[in-house]
Amino acid sequence: MVKRIINSEDVSMAEALRIIEDKVVSAGVGSNDEIVNNTLDYLRKFSKVDPERAKELISELMKRFGLAKLTAIQIINLMPQTSDELRILLGTEKREFSDQDIEEMLNLLKGSKQS
């Protein structure tokens, strides 16, 4: 059977985990599928915030700092802890960020990481 993509949206790893768990696992579809299980295992290990908080952080990074959605998603996925790590992720943006902007972004992320 041929499947078509009807819609696509960029989401964080935390949001992807929630979507897969809700749509695939809850429906019992793919529970024996190695790819699905490996994907779920990866997302559970490396998601650093809960899905709702991830959405909030992405939105706030886009609004406050004018980041592209993909850049904001990558920042949330990786949760950088130093200004050097964050600056690398910001390298795709078309503008420079001040030290104050970097520090504000890091402070925003600091309280959001799951333990």
C-alpha atoms as a PDB file:
ATOM      1  CA  MET A   1       0.000   0.000   0.000  1.00  0.00           C
ATOM      2  CA  VAL A   2       1.340   3.402  -0.981  1.00  0.00           C
ATOM      3  CA  LYS A   3       1.205   6.058   1.717  1.00  0.00           C
ATOM      4  CA  ARG A   4       1.236   9.766   1.101  1.00  0.00           C
ATOM      5  CA  ILE A   5       2.405  12.514   3.389  1.00  0.00           C
ATOM      6  CA  ILE A   6      -0.568  14.758   3.968  1.00  0.00           C
ATOM      7  CA  ASN A   7       1.047  17.202   6.359  1.00  0.00           C
ATOM      8  CA  SER A   8       4.419  17.731   7.982  1.00  0.00           C
ATOM      9  CA  GLU A   9       5.630  19.855  10.851  1.00  0.00           C
ATOM     10  CA  ASP A  10       9.010  20.249  12.519  1.00  0.00           C
ATOM     11  CA  VAL A  11       8.834  19.119  16.152  1.00  0.00           C
ATOM     12  CA  SER A  12      11.250  18.567  19.009  1.00  0.00           C
ATOM     13  CA  MET A  13      12.325  15.110  20.107  1.00  0.00           C
ATOM     14  CA  ALA A  14      10.070  15.410  23.178  1.00  0.00           C
ATOM     15  CA  GLU A  15       7.077  16.183  20.974  1.00  0.00           C
ATOM     16  CA  ALA A  16       7.980  13.344  18.590  1.00  0.00           C
ATOM     17  CA  LEU A  17       8.102  10.932  21.531  1.00  0.00           C
ATOM     18  CA  ARG A  18       4.632  11.999  22.670  1.00  0.00           C
ATOM     19  CA  ILE A  19       3.238  11.712  19.135  1.00  0.00           C
ATOM     20  CA  ILE A  20       4.681   8.245  18.573  1.00  0.00           C
ATOM     21  CA  GLU A  21       3.538   7.007  21.964  1.00  0.00           C
ATOM     22  CA  ASP A  22       0.039   8.421  21.451  1.00  0.00           C
ATOM     23  CA  LYS A  23      -0.495   7.398  17.836  1.00  0.00           C
ATOM     24  CA  VAL A  24       1.511   4.213  17.436  1.00  0.00           C
ATOM     25  CA  VAL A  25       1.961   2.527  20.776  1.00  0.00           C
ATOM     26  CA  SER A  26      -1.470   3.374  22.208  1.00  0.00           C
ATOM     27  CA  ALA A  27      -3.129   1.983  19.099  1.00  0.00           C
ATOM     28  CA  GLY A  28      -1.057  -1.192  19.389  1.00  0.00           C
ATOM     29  CA  VAL A  29       0.353  -0.615  15.927  1.00  0.00           C
ATOM     30  CA  GLY A  30       4.040  -1.285  15.537  1.00  0.00           C
ATOM     31  CA  SER A  31       4.636  -2.605  19.041  1.00  0.00           C
ATOM     32  CA  ASN A  32       6.627  -5.463  17.509  1.00  0.00           C
ATOM     33  CA  ASP A  33       8.320  -3.222  14.957  1.00  0.00           C
ATOM     34  CA  GLU A  34      12.064  -2.946  15.624  1.00  0.00           C
ATOM     35  CA  ILE A  35      12.311   0.501  14.014  1.00  0.00           C
ATOM     36  CA  VAL A  36       9.495   1.877  16.165  1.00  0.00           C
ATOM     37  CA  ASN A  37      10.991   0.362  19.315  1.00  0.00           C
ATOM     38  CA  ASN A  38      14.470   1.695  18.517  1.00  0.00           C
ATOM     39  CA  THR A  39      13.043   5.141  17.798  1.00  0.00           C
ATOM     40  CA  LEU A  40      11.102   5.169  21.064  1.00  0.00           C
ATOM     41  CA  ASP A  41      14.160   4.003  22.993  1.00  0.00           C
ATOM     42  CA  TYR A  42      16.301   6.761  21.463  1.00  0.00           C
ATOM     43  CA  LEU A  43      13.729   9.481  22.112  1.00  0.00           C
ATOM     44  CA  ARG A  44      13.200   8.356  25.710  1.00  0.00           C
ATOM     45  CA  LYS A  45      16.948   8.457  26.373  1.00  0.00           C
ATOM     46  CA  PHE A  46      17.690  11.785  24.736  1.00  0.00           C
ATOM     47  CA  SER A  47      14.587  13.960  25.174  1.00  0.00           C
ATOM     48  CA  LYS A  48      15.611  16.590  27.678  1.00  0.00           C
ATOM     49  CA  VAL A  49      12.292  18.295  28.480  1.00  0.00           C
ATOM     50  CA  ASP A  50       8.643  17.318  28.524  1.00  0.00           C
ATOM     51  CA  PRO A  51       6.647  17.995  25.319  1.00  0.00           C
ATOM     52  CA  GLU A  52       4.594  20.894  26.686  1.00  0.00           C
ATOM     53  CA  ARG A  53       7.666  22.689  28.017  1.00  0.00           C
ATOM     54  CA  ALA A  54       9.486  22.054  24.736  1.00  0.00           C
ATOM     55  CA  LYS A  55       6.694  23.803  22.817  1.00  0.00           C
ATOM     56  CA  GLU A  56       6.753  26.734  25.244  1.00  0.00           C
ATOM     57  CA  LEU A  57      10.539  27.102  24.998  1.00  0.00           C
ATOM     58  CA  ILE A  58      10.525  26.917  21.211  1.00  0.00           C
ATOM     59  CA  SER A  59       7.856  29.582  21.036  1.00  0.00           C
ATOM     60  CA  GLU A  60       9.670  31.820  23.507  1.00  0.00           C
ATOM     61  CA  LEU A  61      13.021  31.490  21.700  1.00  0.00           C
ATOM     62  CA  MET A  62      11.331  32.414  18.425  1.00  0.00           C
ATOM     63  CA  LYS A  63       9.470  35.412  19.889  1.00  0.00           C
ATOM     64  CA  ARG A  64      12.111  36.862  22.208  1.00  0.00           C
ATOM     65  CA  PHE A  65      15.175  36.282  20.062  1.00  0.00           C
ATOM     66  CA  GLY A  66      13.783  36.025  16.539  1.00  0.00           C
ATOM     67  CA  LEU A  67      15.107  32.516  15.977  1.00  0.00           C
ATOM     68  CA  ALA A  68      13.988  30.302  13.121  1.00  0.00           C
ATOM     69  CA  LYS A  69      11.819  27.407  14.284  1.00  0.00           C
ATOM     70  CA  LEU A  70      14.401  24.770  13.279  1.00  0.00           C
ATOM     71  CA  THR A  71      17.133  26.557  15.234  1.00  0.00           C
ATOM     72  CA  ALA A  72      14.887  26.793  18.300  1.00  0.00           C
ATOM     73  CA  ILE A  73      14.033  23.087  17.998  1.00  0.00           C
ATOM     74  CA  GLN A  74      17.695  22.095  17.830  1.00  0.00           C
ATOM     75  CA  ILE A  75      18.472  24.213  20.872  1.00  0.00           C
ATOM     76  CA  ILE A  76      15.699  22.468  22.808  1.00  0.00           C
ATOM     77  CA  ASN A  77      16.789  19.039  21.577  1.00  0.00           C
ATOM     78  CA  LEU A  78      20.393  19.590  22.670  1.00  0.00           C
ATOM     79  CA  MET A  79      19.892  21.947  25.639  1.00  0.00           C
ATOM     80  CA  PRO A  80      23.354  23.576  25.461  1.00  0.00           C
ATOM     81  CA  GLN A  81      24.896  24.483  28.788  1.00  0.00           C
ATOM     82  CA  THR A  82      27.653  26.864  27.713  1.00  0.00           C
ATOM     83  CA  SER A  83      27.755  29.945  25.539  1.00  0.00           C
ATOM     84  CA  ASP A  84      30.143  28.205  23.123  1.00  0.00           C
ATOM     85  CA  GLU A  85      27.731  25.302  22.632  1.00  0.00           C
ATOM     86  CA  LEU A  86      24.838  27.708  22.091  1.00  0.00           C
ATOM     87  CA  ARG A  87      26.786  29.896  19.651  1.00  0.00           C
ATOM     88  CA  ILE A  88      27.475  26.840  17.472  1.00  0.00           C
ATOM     89  CA  LEU A  89      23.751  26.150  17.229  1.00  0.00           C
ATOM     90  CA  LEU A  90      23.076  29.800  16.435  1.00  0.00           C
ATOM     91  CA  GLY A  91      25.545  29.701  13.524  1.00  0.00           C
ATOM     92  CA  THR A  92      22.756  29.185  11.000  1.00  0.00           C
ATOM     93  CA  GLU A  93      20.963  32.380  12.015  1.00  0.00           C
ATOM     94  CA  LYS A  94      21.462  35.436   9.837  1.00  0.00           C
ATOM     95  CA  ARG A  95      22.445  37.744  12.663  1.00  0.00           C
ATOM     96  CA  GLU A  96      24.876  37.984  15.530  1.00  0.00           C
ATOM     97  CA  PHE A  97      23.732  37.618  19.119  1.00  0.00           C
ATOM     98  CA  SER A  98      25.090  39.706  21.966  1.00  0.00           C
ATOM     99  CA  ASP A  99      26.616  38.150  25.060  1.00  0.00           C
ATOM    100  CA  GLN A 100      23.517  39.316  26.926  1.00  0.00           C
ATOM    101  CA  ASP A 101      21.227  37.489  24.452  1.00  0.00           C
ATOM    102  CA  ILE A 102      23.290  34.316  24.835  1.00  0.00           C
ATOM    103  CA  GLU A 103      23.171  34.568  28.620  1.00  0.00           C
ATOM    104  CA  GLU A 104      19.384  35.135  28.569  1.00  0.00           C
ATOM    105  CA  MET A 105      18.883  32.078  26.354  1.00  0.00           C
ATOM    106  CA  LEU A 106      21.035  29.925  28.624  1.00  0.00           C
ATOM    107  CA  ASN A 107      19.112  31.113  31.707  1.00  0.00           C
ATOM    108  CA  LEU A 108      15.852  30.280  29.970  1.00  0.00           C
ATOM    109  CA  LEU A 109      17.070  26.754  29.283  1.00  0.00           C
ATOM    110  CA  LYS A 110      18.728  26.224  32.656  1.00  0.00           C
ATOM    111  CA  GLY A 111      15.548  25.736  34.676  1.00  0.00           C
ATOM    112  CA  SER A 112      13.841  23.562  32.078  1.00  0.00           C
ATOM    113  CA  LYS A 113      16.050  20.504  31.840  1.00  0.00           C
ATOM    114  CA  GLN A 114      14.647  17.211  33.156  1.00  0.00           C
ATOM    115  CA  SER A 115      16.720  15.474  35.796  1.00  0.00           C
END
